[in-house]
Amino acid sequence: MSLPSFVVAAVREAMDLELDGGRDGLVFPSTRGTPRSPGGVRQQLRLAQKDIGVDVTPHDVRRTVATQVARATTLAAATALLGHADESTTARHYVQRVHVAPDVRVVIDQLVQRTSATTASGE
C-alpha cells in the first residue's frame, strides 16, 4: 500500500527523533519502547482535543477515511483499505450512508401543474 505524504512525513520525523523503538524497532513506540496500547492512543487523542471542543475517536477517523475512499473510488477500495473480508461489513459499519433523495422536483412540479390545471378547468 502507498502511504499518503503526511504519513511519510510523520514517519520520517519520528525516525529523526531516534526514539527507542525497543527490540522490534517501532517507529511510534510507547514511552517504554513497546507498542502503544489502543487505550493509550485514545487517551492521547482525548488530551489533544480537550481545549478545542472536539471529540473524535480513532474509530471516527477510520469511518471518515472509509467513507471518503468509497466515495472517491469504490466500495471495494475502502474494503481493501480496512482489511475487511467482504464489502457488506464496510458498507454497513464504516461508509456513511447518503440520505438524499433523488432530485425529482421537475416531476412533482409537473404533477402540481396538471392538478392545478384540472382543478381550474372544473374537471
PDB file of N, CA and C in Angstrom:
ATOM      1  N   MET A   1       0.838  -1.172   0.000  1.00  0.00           N
ATOM      2  CA  MET A   1       0.000   0.000   0.000  1.00  0.00           C
ATOM      3  C   MET A   1       0.888   1.243   0.000  1.00  0.00           C
ATOM      4  N   SER A   2       0.520   2.220  -0.747  1.00  0.00           N
ATOM      5  CA  SER A   2       1.217   3.504  -0.756  1.00  0.00           C
ATOM      6  C   SER A   2       0.730   4.334   0.415  1.00  0.00           C
ATOM      7  N   LEU A   3       1.638   5.104   0.990  1.00  0.00           N
ATOM      8  CA  LEU A   3       1.275   5.939   2.128  1.00  0.00           C
ATOM      9  C   LEU A   3       1.068   7.379   1.687  1.00  0.00           C
ATOM     10  N   PRO A   4       0.071   8.050   2.270  1.00  0.00           N
ATOM     11  CA  PRO A   4      -0.119   9.476   1.976  1.00  0.00           C
ATOM     12  C   PRO A   4       1.108  10.269   2.413  1.00  0.00           C
ATOM     13  N   SER A   5       1.347  11.402   1.785  1.00  0.00           N
ATOM     14  CA  SER A   5       2.553  12.185   2.056  1.00  0.00           C
ATOM     15  C   SER A   5       2.653  12.630   3.519  1.00  0.00           C
ATOM     16  N   PHE A   6       1.523  12.939   4.173  1.00  0.00           N
ATOM     17  CA  PHE A   6       1.608  13.375   5.577  1.00  0.00           C
ATOM     18  C   PHE A   6       2.058  12.233   6.480  1.00  0.00           C
ATOM     19  N   VAL A   7       1.740  10.991   6.112  1.00  0.00           N
ATOM     20  CA  VAL A   7       2.181   9.836   6.906  1.00  0.00           C
ATOM     21  C   VAL A   7       3.680   9.627   6.707  1.00  0.00           C
ATOM     22  N   VAL A   8       4.135   9.734   5.470  1.00  0.00           N
ATOM     23  CA  VAL A   8       5.566   9.604   5.190  1.00  0.00           C
ATOM     24  C   VAL A   8       6.339  10.664   5.976  1.00  0.00           C
ATOM     25  N   ALA A   9       5.831  11.894   5.985  1.00  0.00           N
ATOM     26  CA  ALA A   9       6.497  12.970   6.730  1.00  0.00           C
ATOM     27  C   ALA A   9       6.538  12.661   8.224  1.00  0.00           C
ATOM     28  N   ALA A  10       5.441  12.146   8.766  1.00  0.00           N
ATOM     29  CA  ALA A  10       5.392  11.818  10.201  1.00  0.00           C
ATOM     30  C   ALA A  10       6.364  10.688  10.539  1.00  0.00           C
ATOM     31  N   VAL A  11       6.457   9.690   9.673  1.00  0.00           N
ATOM     32  CA  VAL A  11       7.380   8.579   9.911  1.00  0.00           C
ATOM     33  C   VAL A  11       8.820   9.088   9.860  1.00  0.00           C
ATOM     34  N   ARG A  12       9.125   9.901   8.872  1.00  0.00           N
ATOM     35  CA  ARG A  12      10.486  10.449   8.770  1.00  0.00           C
ATOM     36  C   ARG A  12      10.831  11.284  10.009  1.00  0.00           C
ATOM     37  N   GLU A  13       9.883  12.107  10.448  1.00  0.00           N
ATOM     38  CA  GLU A  13      10.122  12.945  11.628  1.00  0.00           C
ATOM     39  C   GLU A  13      10.360  12.075  12.864  1.00  0.00           C
ATOM     40  N   ALA A  14       9.545  11.029  13.019  1.00  0.00           N
ATOM     41  CA  ALA A  14       9.710  10.130  14.164  1.00  0.00           C
ATOM     42  C   ALA A  14      11.063   9.412  14.099  1.00  0.00           C
ATOM     43  N   MET A  15      11.455   9.006  12.903  1.00  0.00           N
ATOM     44  CA  MET A  15      12.742   8.313  12.769  1.00  0.00           C
ATOM     45  C   MET A  15      13.907   9.263  13.071  1.00  0.00           C
ATOM     46  N   ASP A  16      13.770  10.533  12.703  1.00  0.00           N
ATOM     47  CA  ASP A  16      14.812  11.521  13.000  1.00  0.00           C
ATOM     48  C   ASP A  16      14.975  11.737  14.496  1.00  0.00           C
ATOM     49  N   LEU A  17      13.911  11.503  15.266  1.00  0.00           N
ATOM     50  CA  LEU A  17      13.978  11.660  16.723  1.00  0.00           C
ATOM     51  C   LEU A  17      14.770  10.531  17.377  1.00  0.00           C
ATOM     52  N   GLU A  18      14.969   9.446  16.634  1.00  0.00           N
ATOM     53  CA  GLU A  18      15.699   8.275  17.122  1.00  0.00           C
ATOM     54  C   GLU A  18      15.163   7.791  18.461  1.00  0.00           C
ATOM     55  N   LEU A  19      13.848   7.637  18.518  1.00  0.00           N
ATOM     56  CA  LEU A  19      13.209   7.124  19.724  1.00  0.00           C
ATOM     57  C   LEU A  19      13.609   5.670  19.939  1.00  0.00           C
ATOM     58  N   ASP A  20      13.558   5.236  21.190  1.00  0.00           N
ATOM     59  CA  ASP A  20      13.863   3.845  21.487  1.00  0.00           C
ATOM     60  C   ASP A  20      12.659   2.999  21.097  1.00  0.00           C
ATOM     61  N   GLY A  21      12.748   2.360  19.954  1.00  0.00           N
ATOM     62  CA  GLY A  21      11.657   1.535  19.455  1.00  0.00           C
ATOM     63  C   GLY A  21      11.680   0.119  20.001  1.00  0.00           C
ATOM     64  N   GLY A  22      12.505  -0.110  21.020  1.00  0.00           N
ATOM     65  CA  GLY A  22      12.551  -1.438  21.611  1.00  0.00           C
ATOM     66  C   GLY A  22      13.128  -2.467  20.653  1.00  0.00           C
ATOM     67  N   ARG A  23      12.993  -3.715  21.022  1.00  0.00           N
ATOM     68  CA  ARG A  23      13.592  -4.785  20.212  1.00  0.00           C
ATOM     69  C   ARG A  23      12.932  -4.934  18.846  1.00  0.00           C
ATOM     70  N   ASP A  24      11.710  -4.400  18.703  1.00  0.00           N
ATOM     71  CA  ASP A  24      11.017  -4.508  17.420  1.00  0.00           C
ATOM     72  C   ASP A  24      11.292  -3.326  16.497  1.00  0.00           C
ATOM     73  N   GLY A  25      12.046  -2.325  16.980  1.00  0.00           N
ATOM     74  CA  GLY A  25      12.352  -1.160  16.159  1.00  0.00           C
ATOM     75  C   GLY A  25      11.115  -0.354  15.786  1.00  0.00           C
ATOM     76  N   LEU A  26      10.190  -0.194  16.734  1.00  0.00           N
ATOM     77  CA  LEU A  26       8.942   0.529  16.477  1.00  0.00           C
ATOM     78  C   LEU A  26       9.228   1.984  16.126  1.00  0.00           C
ATOM     79  N   VAL A  27       8.468   2.518  15.202  1.00  0.00           N
ATOM     80  CA  VAL A  27       8.632   3.911  14.795  1.00  0.00           C
ATOM     81  C   VAL A  27       7.928   4.835  15.780  1.00  0.00           C
ATOM     82  N   PHE A  28       6.760   4.440  16.257  1.00  0.00           N
ATOM     83  CA  PHE A  28       5.994   5.246  17.209  1.00  0.00           C
ATOM     84  C   PHE A  28       5.799   4.437  18.495  1.00  0.00           C
ATOM     85  N   PRO A  29       6.874   4.227  19.256  1.00  0.00           N
ATOM     86  CA  PRO A  29       6.762   3.392  20.459  1.00  0.00           C
ATOM     87  C   PRO A  29       6.119   4.144  21.622  1.00  0.00           C
ATOM     88  N   SER A  30       5.715   3.372  22.615  1.00  0.00           N
ATOM     89  CA  SER A  30       5.274   3.979  23.872  1.00  0.00           C
ATOM     90  C   SER A  30       6.519   4.505  24.579  1.00  0.00           C
ATOM     91  N   THR A  31       6.334   5.122  25.725  1.00  0.00           N
ATOM     92  CA  THR A  31       7.485   5.646  26.468  1.00  0.00           C
ATOM     93  C   THR A  31       8.400   4.527  26.960  1.00  0.00           C
ATOM     94  N   ARG A  32       7.912   3.291  26.975  1.00  0.00           N
ATOM     95  CA  ARG A  32       8.722   2.142  27.405  1.00  0.00           C
ATOM     96  C   ARG A  32       9.308   1.374  26.231  1.00  0.00           C
ATOM     97  N   GLY A  33       9.133   1.902  24.993  1.00  0.00           N
ATOM     98  CA  GLY A  33       9.669   1.213  23.825  1.00  0.00           C
ATOM     99  C   GLY A  33       8.835   0.024  23.390  1.00  0.00           C
ATOM    100  N   THR A  34       7.579   0.001  23.822  1.00  0.00           N
ATOM    101  CA  THR A  34       6.663  -1.083  23.459  1.00  0.00           C
ATOM    102  C   THR A  34       5.581  -0.531  22.525  1.00  0.00           C
ATOM    103  N   PRO A  35       4.798  -1.413  21.910  1.00  0.00           N
ATOM    104  CA  PRO A  35       3.695  -0.898  21.073  1.00  0.00           C
ATOM    105  C   PRO A  35       2.730  -0.075  21.918  1.00  0.00           C
ATOM    106  N   ARG A  36       2.186   0.966  21.331  1.00  0.00           N
ATOM    107  CA  ARG A  36       1.197   1.789  22.029  1.00  0.00           C
ATOM    108  C   ARG A  36      -0.100   1.003  22.156  1.00  0.00           C
ATOM    109  N   SER A  37      -0.709   1.087  23.310  1.00  0.00           N
ATOM    110  CA  SER A  37      -1.979   0.397  23.514  1.00  0.00           C
ATOM    111  C   SER A  37      -3.100   1.232  22.898  1.00  0.00           C
ATOM    112  N   PRO A  38      -4.155   0.587  22.420  1.00  0.00           N
ATOM    113  CA  PRO A  38      -5.287   1.355  21.884  1.00  0.00           C
ATOM    114  C   PRO A  38      -5.844   2.344  22.913  1.00  0.00           C
ATOM    115  N   GLY A  39      -5.907   1.937  24.166  1.00  0.00           N
ATOM    116  CA  GLY A  39      -6.398   2.832  25.212  1.00  0.00           C
ATOM    117  C   GLY A  39      -5.492   4.036  25.391  1.00  0.00           C
ATOM    118  N   GLY A  40      -4.189   3.832  25.290  1.00  0.00           N
ATOM    119  CA  GLY A  40      -3.240   4.933  25.401  1.00  0.00           C
ATOM    120  C   GLY A  40      -3.371   5.913  24.246  1.00  0.00           C
ATOM    121  N   VAL A  41      -3.585   5.381  23.057  1.00  0.00           N
ATOM    122  CA  VAL A  41      -3.774   6.246  21.884  1.00  0.00           C
ATOM    123  C   VAL A  41      -5.049   7.072  22.049  1.00  0.00           C
ATOM    124  N   ARG A  42      -6.129   6.416  22.498  1.00  0.00           N
ATOM    125  CA  ARG A  42      -7.381   7.151  22.708  1.00  0.00           C
ATOM    126  C   ARG A  42      -7.213   8.237  23.757  1.00  0.00           C
ATOM    127  N   GLN A  43      -6.485   7.932  24.824  1.00  0.00           N
ATOM    128  CA  GLN A  43      -6.242   8.914  25.887  1.00  0.00           C
ATOM    129  C   GLN A  43      -5.448  10.102  25.350  1.00  0.00           C
ATOM    130  N   GLN A  44      -4.406   9.852  24.572  1.00  0.00           N
ATOM    131  CA  GLN A  44      -3.618  10.941  23.992  1.00  0.00           C
ATOM    132  C   GLN A  44      -4.483  11.799  23.075  1.00  0.00           C
ATOM    133  N   LEU A  45      -5.349  11.152  22.304  1.00  0.00           N
ATOM    134  CA  LEU A  45      -6.232  11.888  21.402  1.00  0.00           C
ATOM    135  C   LEU A  45      -7.212  12.753  22.196  1.00  0.00           C
ATOM    136  N   ARG A  46      -7.760  12.208  23.285  1.00  0.00           N
ATOM    137  CA  ARG A  46      -8.666  12.991  24.146  1.00  0.00           C
ATOM    138  C   ARG A  46      -7.954  14.214  24.725  1.00  0.00           C
ATOM    139  N   LEU A  47      -6.731  14.020  25.188  1.00  0.00           N
ATOM    140  CA  LEU A  47      -5.966  15.144  25.757  1.00  0.00           C
ATOM    141  C   LEU A  47      -5.676  16.197  24.692  1.00  0.00           C
ATOM    142  N   ALA A  48      -5.375  15.768  23.487  1.00  0.00           N
ATOM    143  CA  ALA A  48      -5.071  16.708  22.409  1.00  0.00           C
ATOM    144  C   ALA A  48      -6.301  17.521  22.019  1.00  0.00           C
ATOM    145  N   GLN A  49      -7.481  16.961  22.197  1.00  0.00           N
ATOM    146  CA  GLN A  49      -8.718  17.632  21.804  1.00  0.00           C
ATOM    147  C   GLN A  49      -9.375  18.412  22.938  1.00  0.00           C
ATOM    148  N   LYS A  50      -8.870  18.246  24.134  1.00  0.00           N
ATOM    149  CA  LYS A  50      -9.522  18.777  25.332  1.00  0.00           C
ATOM    150  C   LYS A  50      -9.863  20.263  25.241  1.00  0.00           C
ATOM    151  N   ASP A  51      -8.950  21.067  24.772  1.00  0.00           N
ATOM    152  CA  ASP A  51      -9.148  22.515  24.785  1.00  0.00           C
ATOM    153  C   ASP A  51      -9.782  23.075  23.511  1.00  0.00           C
ATOM    154  N   ILE A  52     -10.101  22.217  22.555  1.00  0.00           N
ATOM    155  CA  ILE A  52     -10.664  22.735  21.299  1.00  0.00           C
ATOM    156  C   ILE A  52     -12.119  22.353  21.089  1.00  0.00           C
ATOM    157  N   GLY A  53     -12.703  21.646  22.051  1.00  0.00           N
ATOM    158  CA  GLY A  53     -14.128  21.331  21.968  1.00  0.00           C
ATOM    159  C   GLY A  53     -14.488  20.306  20.914  1.00  0.00           C
ATOM    160  N   VAL A  54     -13.578  19.403  20.625  1.00  0.00           N
ATOM    161  CA  VAL A  54     -13.819  18.360  19.634  1.00  0.00           C
ATOM    162  C   VAL A  54     -13.729  17.013  20.334  1.00  0.00           C
ATOM    163  N   ASP A  55     -14.530  16.070  19.905  1.00  0.00           N
ATOM    164  CA  ASP A  55     -14.472  14.728  20.472  1.00  0.00           C
ATOM    165  C   ASP A  55     -14.473  13.718  19.335  1.00  0.00           C
ATOM    166  N   VAL A  56     -13.291  13.378  18.863  1.00  0.00           N
ATOM    167  CA  VAL A  56     -13.130  12.448  17.750  1.00  0.00           C
ATOM    168  C   VAL A  56     -12.359  11.239  18.251  1.00  0.00           C
ATOM    169  N   THR A  57     -12.848  10.056  17.925  1.00  0.00           N
ATOM    170  CA  THR A  57     -12.169   8.827  18.323  1.00  0.00           C
ATOM    171  C   THR A  57     -11.404   8.256  17.129  1.00  0.00           C
ATOM    172  N   PRO A  58     -10.465   7.346  17.381  1.00  0.00           N
ATOM    173  CA  PRO A  58      -9.785   6.687  16.255  1.00  0.00           C
ATOM    174  C   PRO A  58     -10.785   5.994  15.322  1.00  0.00           C
ATOM    175  N   HIS A  59     -11.850   5.461  15.887  1.00  0.00           N
ATOM    176  CA  HIS A  59     -12.863   4.801  15.054  1.00  0.00           C
ATOM    177  C   HIS A  59     -13.578   5.812  14.155  1.00  0.00           C
ATOM    178  N   ASP A  60     -13.806   7.025  14.673  1.00  0.00           N
ATOM    179  CA  ASP A  60     -14.393   8.093  13.850  1.00  0.00           C
ATOM    180  C   ASP A  60     -13.500   8.384  12.647  1.00  0.00           C
ATOM    181  N   VAL A  61     -12.196   8.443  12.892  1.00  0.00           N
ATOM    182  CA  VAL A  61     -11.246   8.699  11.804  1.00  0.00           C
ATOM    183  C   VAL A  61     -11.310   7.563  10.788  1.00  0.00           C
ATOM    184  N   ARG A  62     -11.348   6.332  11.271  1.00  0.00           N
ATOM    185  CA  ARG A  62     -11.412   5.156  10.383  1.00  0.00           C
ATOM    186  C   ARG A  62     -12.673   5.206   9.513  1.00  0.00           C
ATOM    187  N   ARG A  63     -13.819   5.525  10.134  1.00  0.00           N
ATOM    188  CA  ARG A  63     -15.072   5.614   9.367  1.00  0.00           C
ATOM    189  C   ARG A  63     -15.034   6.755   8.357  1.00  0.00           C
ATOM    190  N   THR A  64     -14.465   7.892   8.751  1.00  0.00           N
ATOM    191  CA  THR A  64     -14.385   9.032   7.845  1.00  0.00           C
ATOM    192  C   THR A  64     -13.517   8.712   6.636  1.00  0.00           C
ATOM    193  N   VAL A  65     -12.366   8.106   6.877  1.00  0.00           N
ATOM    194  CA  VAL A  65     -11.476   7.744   5.777  1.00  0.00           C
ATOM    195  C   VAL A  65     -12.162   6.722   4.871  1.00  0.00           C
ATOM    196  N   ALA A  66     -12.813   5.728   5.450  1.00  0.00           N
ATOM    197  CA  ALA A  66     -13.503   4.714   4.637  1.00  0.00           C
ATOM    198  C   ALA A  66     -14.585   5.351   3.775  1.00  0.00           C
ATOM    199  N   THR A  67     -15.340   6.268   4.342  1.00  0.00           N
ATOM    200  CA  THR A  67     -16.393   6.944   3.585  1.00  0.00           C
ATOM    201  C   THR A  67     -15.808   7.729   2.420  1.00  0.00           C
ATOM    202  N   GLN A  68     -14.759   8.496   2.686  1.00  0.00           N
ATOM    203  CA  GLN A  68     -14.165   9.316   1.630  1.00  0.00           C
ATOM    204  C   GLN A  68     -13.528   8.459   0.537  1.00  0.00           C
ATOM    205  N   VAL A  69     -12.859   7.376   0.924  1.00  0.00           N
ATOM    206  CA  VAL A  69     -12.256   6.484  -0.071  1.00  0.00           C
ATOM    207  C   VAL A  69     -13.343   5.840  -0.919  1.00  0.00           C
ATOM    208  N   ALA A  70     -14.421   5.376  -0.289  1.00  0.00           N
ATOM    209  CA  ALA A  70     -15.518   4.742  -1.038  1.00  0.00           C
ATOM    210  C   ALA A  70     -16.169   5.725  -2.002  1.00  0.00           C
ATOM    211  N   ARG A  71     -16.348   6.969  -1.574  1.00  0.00           N
ATOM    212  CA  ARG A  71     -16.982   7.968  -2.442  1.00  0.00           C
ATOM    213  C   ARG A  71     -16.063   8.390  -3.591  1.00  0.00           C
ATOM    214  N   ALA A  72     -14.769   8.506  -3.305  1.00  0.00           N
ATOM    215  CA  ALA A  72     -13.829   8.969  -4.327  1.00  0.00           C
ATOM    216  C   ALA A  72     -13.409   7.855  -5.279  1.00  0.00           C
ATOM    217  N   THR A  73     -13.481   6.608  -4.804  1.00  0.00           N
ATOM    218  CA  THR A  73     -13.066   5.479  -5.647  1.00  0.00           C
ATOM    219  C   THR A  73     -14.212   4.475  -5.696  1.00  0.00           C
ATOM    220  N   THR A  74     -14.061   3.398  -4.963  1.00  0.00           N
ATOM    221  CA  THR A  74     -15.094   2.353  -4.934  1.00  0.00           C
ATOM    222  C   THR A  74     -15.218   1.795  -3.524  1.00  0.00           C
ATOM    223  N   LEU A  75     -16.332   1.142  -3.277  1.00  0.00           N
ATOM    224  CA  LEU A  75     -16.514   0.446  -2.000  1.00  0.00           C
ATOM    225  C   LEU A  75     -15.464  -0.646  -1.854  1.00  0.00           C
ATOM    226  N   ALA A  76     -15.110  -1.287  -2.951  1.00  0.00           N
ATOM    227  CA  ALA A  76     -14.086  -2.340  -2.914  1.00  0.00           C
ATOM    228  C   ALA A  76     -12.742  -1.783  -2.428  1.00  0.00           C
ATOM    229  N   ALA A  77     -12.404  -0.571  -2.852  1.00  0.00           N
ATOM    230  CA  ALA A  77     -11.146   0.046  -2.415  1.00  0.00           C
ATOM    231  C   ALA A  77     -11.177   0.321  -0.913  1.00  0.00           C
ATOM    232  N   ALA A  78     -12.297   0.821  -0.418  1.00  0.00           N
ATOM    233  CA  ALA A  78     -12.433   1.081   1.020  1.00  0.00           C
ATOM    234  C   ALA A  78     -12.371  -0.225   1.801  1.00  0.00           C
ATOM    235  N   THR A  79     -12.994  -1.265   1.288  1.00  0.00           N
ATOM    236  CA  THR A  79     -12.979  -2.578   1.942  1.00  0.00           C
ATOM    237  C   THR A  79     -11.560  -3.107   2.031  1.00  0.00           C
ATOM    238  N   ALA A  80     -10.805  -2.990   0.947  1.00  0.00           N
ATOM    239  CA  ALA A  80      -9.417  -3.452   0.938  1.00  0.00           C
ATOM    240  C   ALA A  80      -8.564  -2.640   1.911  1.00  0.00           C
ATOM    241  N   LEU A  81      -8.773  -1.330   1.941  1.00  0.00           N
ATOM    242  CA  LEU A  81      -8.020  -0.468   2.845  1.00  0.00           C
ATOM    243  C   LEU A  81      -8.233  -0.872   4.298  1.00  0.00           C
ATOM    244  N   LEU A  82      -9.478  -1.179   4.656  1.00  0.00           N
ATOM    245  CA  LEU A  82      -9.795  -1.547   6.038  1.00  0.00           C
ATOM    246  C   LEU A  82      -9.458  -2.996   6.364  1.00  0.00           C
ATOM    247  N   GLY A  83      -9.210  -3.793   5.328  1.00  0.00           N
ATOM    248  CA  GLY A  83      -8.868  -5.194   5.558  1.00  0.00           C
ATOM    249  C   GLY A  83     -10.063  -6.079   5.844  1.00  0.00           C
ATOM    250  N   HIS A  84     -11.229  -5.675   5.393  1.00  0.00           N
ATOM    251  CA  HIS A  84     -12.427  -6.483   5.605  1.00  0.00           C
ATOM    252  C   HIS A  84     -12.512  -7.611   4.581  1.00  0.00           C
ATOM    253  N   ALA A  85     -13.170  -8.682   4.975  1.00  0.00           N
ATOM    254  CA  ALA A  85     -13.319  -9.840   4.088  1.00  0.00           C
ATOM    255  C   ALA A  85     -14.332  -9.577   2.981  1.00  0.00           C
ATOM    256  N   ASP A  86     -15.357  -8.806   3.278  1.00  0.00           N
ATOM    257  CA  ASP A  86     -16.342  -8.507   2.234  1.00  0.00           C
ATOM    258  C   ASP A  86     -16.861  -7.085   2.373  1.00  0.00           C
ATOM    259  N   GLU A  87     -17.442  -6.591   1.288  1.00  0.00           N
ATOM    260  CA  GLU A  87     -17.896  -5.205   1.228  1.00  0.00           C
ATOM    261  C   GLU A  87     -19.074  -4.911   2.146  1.00  0.00           C
ATOM    262  N   SER A  88     -19.844  -5.926   2.499  1.00  0.00           N
ATOM    263  CA  SER A  88     -21.034  -5.660   3.315  1.00  0.00           C
ATOM    264  C   SER A  88     -20.665  -5.106   4.689  1.00  0.00           C
ATOM    265  N   THR A  89     -19.572  -5.580   5.270  1.00  0.00           N
ATOM    266  CA  THR A  89     -19.131  -5.053   6.570  1.00  0.00           C
ATOM    267  C   THR A  89     -18.743  -3.589   6.442  1.00  0.00           C
ATOM    268  N   THR A  90     -17.994  -3.276   5.398  1.00  0.00           N
ATOM    269  CA  THR A  90     -17.565  -1.892   5.173  1.00  0.00           C
ATOM    270  C   THR A  90     -18.776  -0.997   4.955  1.00  0.00           C
ATOM    271  N   ALA A  91     -19.690  -1.439   4.111  1.00  0.00           N
ATOM    272  CA  ALA A  91     -20.875  -0.633   3.796  1.00  0.00           C
ATOM    273  C   ALA A  91     -21.765  -0.446   5.022  1.00  0.00           C
ATOM    274  N   ARG A  92     -21.933  -1.494   5.794  1.00  0.00           N
ATOM    275  CA  ARG A  92     -22.857  -1.447   6.929  1.00  0.00           C
ATOM    276  C   ARG A  92     -22.300  -0.644   8.111  1.00  0.00           C
ATOM    277  N   HIS A  93     -21.000  -0.748   8.375  1.00  0.00           N
ATOM    278  CA  HIS A  93     -20.460  -0.171   9.605  1.00  0.00           C
ATOM    279  C   HIS A  93     -19.505   1.002   9.410  1.00  0.00           C
ATOM    280  N   TYR A  94     -19.010   1.216   8.209  1.00  0.00           N
ATOM    281  CA  TYR A  94     -17.961   2.223   8.037  1.00  0.00           C
ATOM    282  C   TYR A  94     -18.287   3.332   7.050  1.00  0.00           C
ATOM    283  N   VAL A  95     -18.986   3.037   5.982  1.00  0.00           N
ATOM    284  CA  VAL A  95     -19.255   4.055   4.974  1.00  0.00           C
ATOM    285  C   VAL A  95     -20.567   4.746   5.298  1.00  0.00           C
ATOM    286  N   GLN A  96     -20.497   6.061   5.449  1.00  0.00           N
ATOM    287  CA  GLN A  96     -21.694   6.834   5.790  1.00  0.00           C
ATOM    288  C   GLN A  96     -22.695   6.769   4.647  1.00  0.00           C
ATOM    289  N   ARG A  97     -23.918   6.496   5.006  1.00  0.00           N
ATOM    290  CA  ARG A  97     -24.979   6.426   4.005  1.00  0.00           C
ATOM    291  C   ARG A  97     -25.408   7.828   3.615  1.00  0.00           C
ATOM    292  N   VAL A  98     -25.738   7.974   2.364  1.00  0.00           N
ATOM    293  CA  VAL A  98     -26.240   9.255   1.878  1.00  0.00           C
ATOM    294  C   VAL A  98     -27.759   9.209   1.971  1.00  0.00           C
ATOM    295  N   HIS A  99     -28.326  10.132   2.707  1.00  0.00           N
ATOM    296  CA  HIS A  99     -29.772  10.159   2.907  1.00  0.00           C
ATOM    297  C   HIS A  99     -30.405  11.278   2.092  1.00  0.00           C
ATOM    298  N   VAL A 100     -30.036  11.355   0.850  1.00  0.00           N
ATOM    299  CA  VAL A 100     -30.566  12.391  -0.020  1.00  0.00           C
ATOM    300  C   VAL A 100     -31.393  11.706  -1.106  1.00  0.00           C
ATOM    301  N   ALA A 101     -32.627  12.112  -1.198  1.00  0.00           N
ATOM    302  CA  ALA A 101     -33.500  11.543  -2.232  1.00  0.00           C
ATOM    303  C   ALA A 101     -33.070  12.076  -3.594  1.00  0.00           C
ATOM    304  N   PRO A 102     -33.355  11.330  -4.639  1.00  0.00           N
ATOM    305  CA  PRO A 102     -33.040  11.835  -5.968  1.00  0.00           C
ATOM    306  C   PRO A 102     -33.815  13.120  -6.245  1.00  0.00           C
ATOM    307  N   ASP A 103     -33.276  13.954  -7.110  1.00  0.00           N
ATOM    308  CA  ASP A 103     -33.902  15.237  -7.431  1.00  0.00           C
ATOM    309  C   ASP A 103     -35.077  14.994  -8.380  1.00  0.00           C
ATOM    310  N   VAL A 104     -36.271  15.029  -7.834  1.00  0.00           N
ATOM    311  CA  VAL A 104     -37.490  14.792  -8.622  1.00  0.00           C
ATOM    312  C   VAL A 104     -38.387  16.031  -8.624  1.00  0.00           C
ATOM    313  N   ARG A 105     -37.811  17.194  -8.415  1.00  0.00           N
ATOM    314  CA  ARG A 105     -38.593  18.432  -8.364  1.00  0.00           C
ATOM    315  C   ARG A 105     -39.387  18.661  -9.652  1.00  0.00           C
ATOM    316  N   VAL A 106     -38.786  18.372 -10.790  1.00  0.00           N
ATOM    317  CA  VAL A 106     -39.461  18.601 -12.070  1.00  0.00           C
ATOM    318  C   VAL A 106     -40.725  17.747 -12.161  1.00  0.00           C
ATOM    319  N   VAL A 107     -40.616  16.492 -11.765  1.00  0.00           N
ATOM    320  CA  VAL A 107     -41.765  15.585 -11.811  1.00  0.00           C
ATOM    321  C   VAL A 107     -42.875  16.086 -10.891  1.00  0.00           C
ATOM    322  N   ILE A 108     -42.518  16.498  -9.691  1.00  0.00           N
ATOM    323  CA  ILE A 108     -43.514  16.984  -8.735  1.00  0.00           C
ATOM    324  C   ILE A 108     -44.142  18.285  -9.225  1.00  0.00           C
ATOM    325  N   ASP A 109     -43.316  19.189  -9.775  1.00  0.00           N
ATOM    326  CA  ASP A 109     -43.857  20.436 -10.332  1.00  0.00           C
ATOM    327  C   ASP A 109     -44.859  20.149 -11.447  1.00  0.00           C
ATOM    328  N   GLN A 110     -44.537  19.192 -12.320  1.00  0.00           N
ATOM    329  CA  GLN A 110     -45.454  18.848 -13.417  1.00  0.00           C
ATOM    330  C   GLN A 110     -46.759  18.289 -12.869  1.00  0.00           C
ATOM    331  N   LEU A 111     -46.674  17.464 -11.842  1.00  0.00           N
ATOM    332  CA  LEU A 111     -47.858  16.887 -11.235  1.00  0.00           C
ATOM    333  C   LEU A 111     -48.750  17.991 -10.651  1.00  0.00           C
ATOM    334  N   VAL A 112     -48.147  18.926  -9.945  1.00  0.00           N
ATOM    335  CA  VAL A 112     -48.898  20.026  -9.348  1.00  0.00           C
ATOM    336  C   VAL A 112     -49.522  20.900 -10.432  1.00  0.00           C
ATOM    337  N   GLN A 113     -48.776  21.161 -11.489  1.00  0.00           N
ATOM    338  CA  GLN A 113     -49.315  21.974 -12.590  1.00  0.00           C
ATOM    339  C   GLN A 113     -50.517  21.284 -13.235  1.00  0.00           C
ATOM    340  N   ARG A 114     -50.409  19.965 -13.462  1.00  0.00           N
ATOM    341  CA  ARG A 114     -51.536  19.226 -14.048  1.00  0.00           C
ATOM    342  C   ARG A 114     -52.747  19.239 -13.122  1.00  0.00           C
ATOM    343  N   THR A 115     -52.497  19.063 -11.835  1.00  0.00           N
ATOM    344  CA  THR A 115     -53.587  19.069 -10.862  1.00  0.00           C
ATOM    345  C   THR A 115     -54.245  20.439 -10.802  1.00  0.00           C
ATOM    346  N   SER A 116     -53.406  21.492 -10.813  1.00  0.00           N
ATOM    347  CA  SER A 116     -53.949  22.858 -10.793  1.00  0.00           C
ATOM    348  C   SER A 116     -54.743  23.144 -12.054  1.00  0.00           C
ATOM    349  N   ALA A 117     -54.250  22.686 -13.205  1.00  0.00           N
ATOM    350  CA  ALA A 117     -54.964  22.921 -14.472  1.00  0.00           C
ATOM    351  C   ALA A 117     -56.287  22.173 -14.485  1.00  0.00           C
ATOM    352  N   THR A 118     -56.295  20.945 -13.955  1.00  0.00           N
ATOM    353  CA  THR A 118     -57.528  20.156 -13.917  1.00  0.00           C
ATOM    354  C   THR A 118     -58.547  20.804 -12.984  1.00  0.00           C
ATOM    355  N   THR A 119     -58.087  21.285 -11.836  1.00  0.00           N
ATOM    356  CA  THR A 119     -58.963  21.941 -10.880  1.00  0.00           C
ATOM    357  C   THR A 119     -59.535  23.240 -11.456  1.00  0.00           C
ATOM    358  N   ALA A 120     -58.706  23.990 -12.157  1.00  0.00           N
ATOM    359  CA  ALA A 120     -59.128  25.273 -12.725  1.00  0.00           C
ATOM    360  C   ALA A 120     -60.147  25.084 -13.859  1.00  0.00           C
ATOM    361  N   SER A 121     -60.010  23.972 -14.591  1.00  0.00           N
ATOM    362  CA  SER A 121     -60.929  23.746 -15.712  1.00  0.00           C
ATOM    363  C   SER A 121     -62.223  23.086 -15.252  1.00  0.00           C
ATOM    364  N   GLY A 122     -62.271  22.661 -13.978  1.00  0.00           N
ATOM    365  CA  GLY A 122     -63.502  22.100 -13.432  1.00  0.00           C
ATOM    366  C   GLY A 122     -63.681  20.629 -13.730  1.00  0.00           C
ATOM    367  N   GLU A 123     -62.669  19.964 -14.163  1.00  0.00           N
ATOM    368  CA  GLU A 123     -62.811  18.528 -14.477  1.00  0.00           C
ATOM    369  C   GLU A 123     -62.859  17.683 -13.249  1.00  0.00           C
TER     370      GLU A 123
END
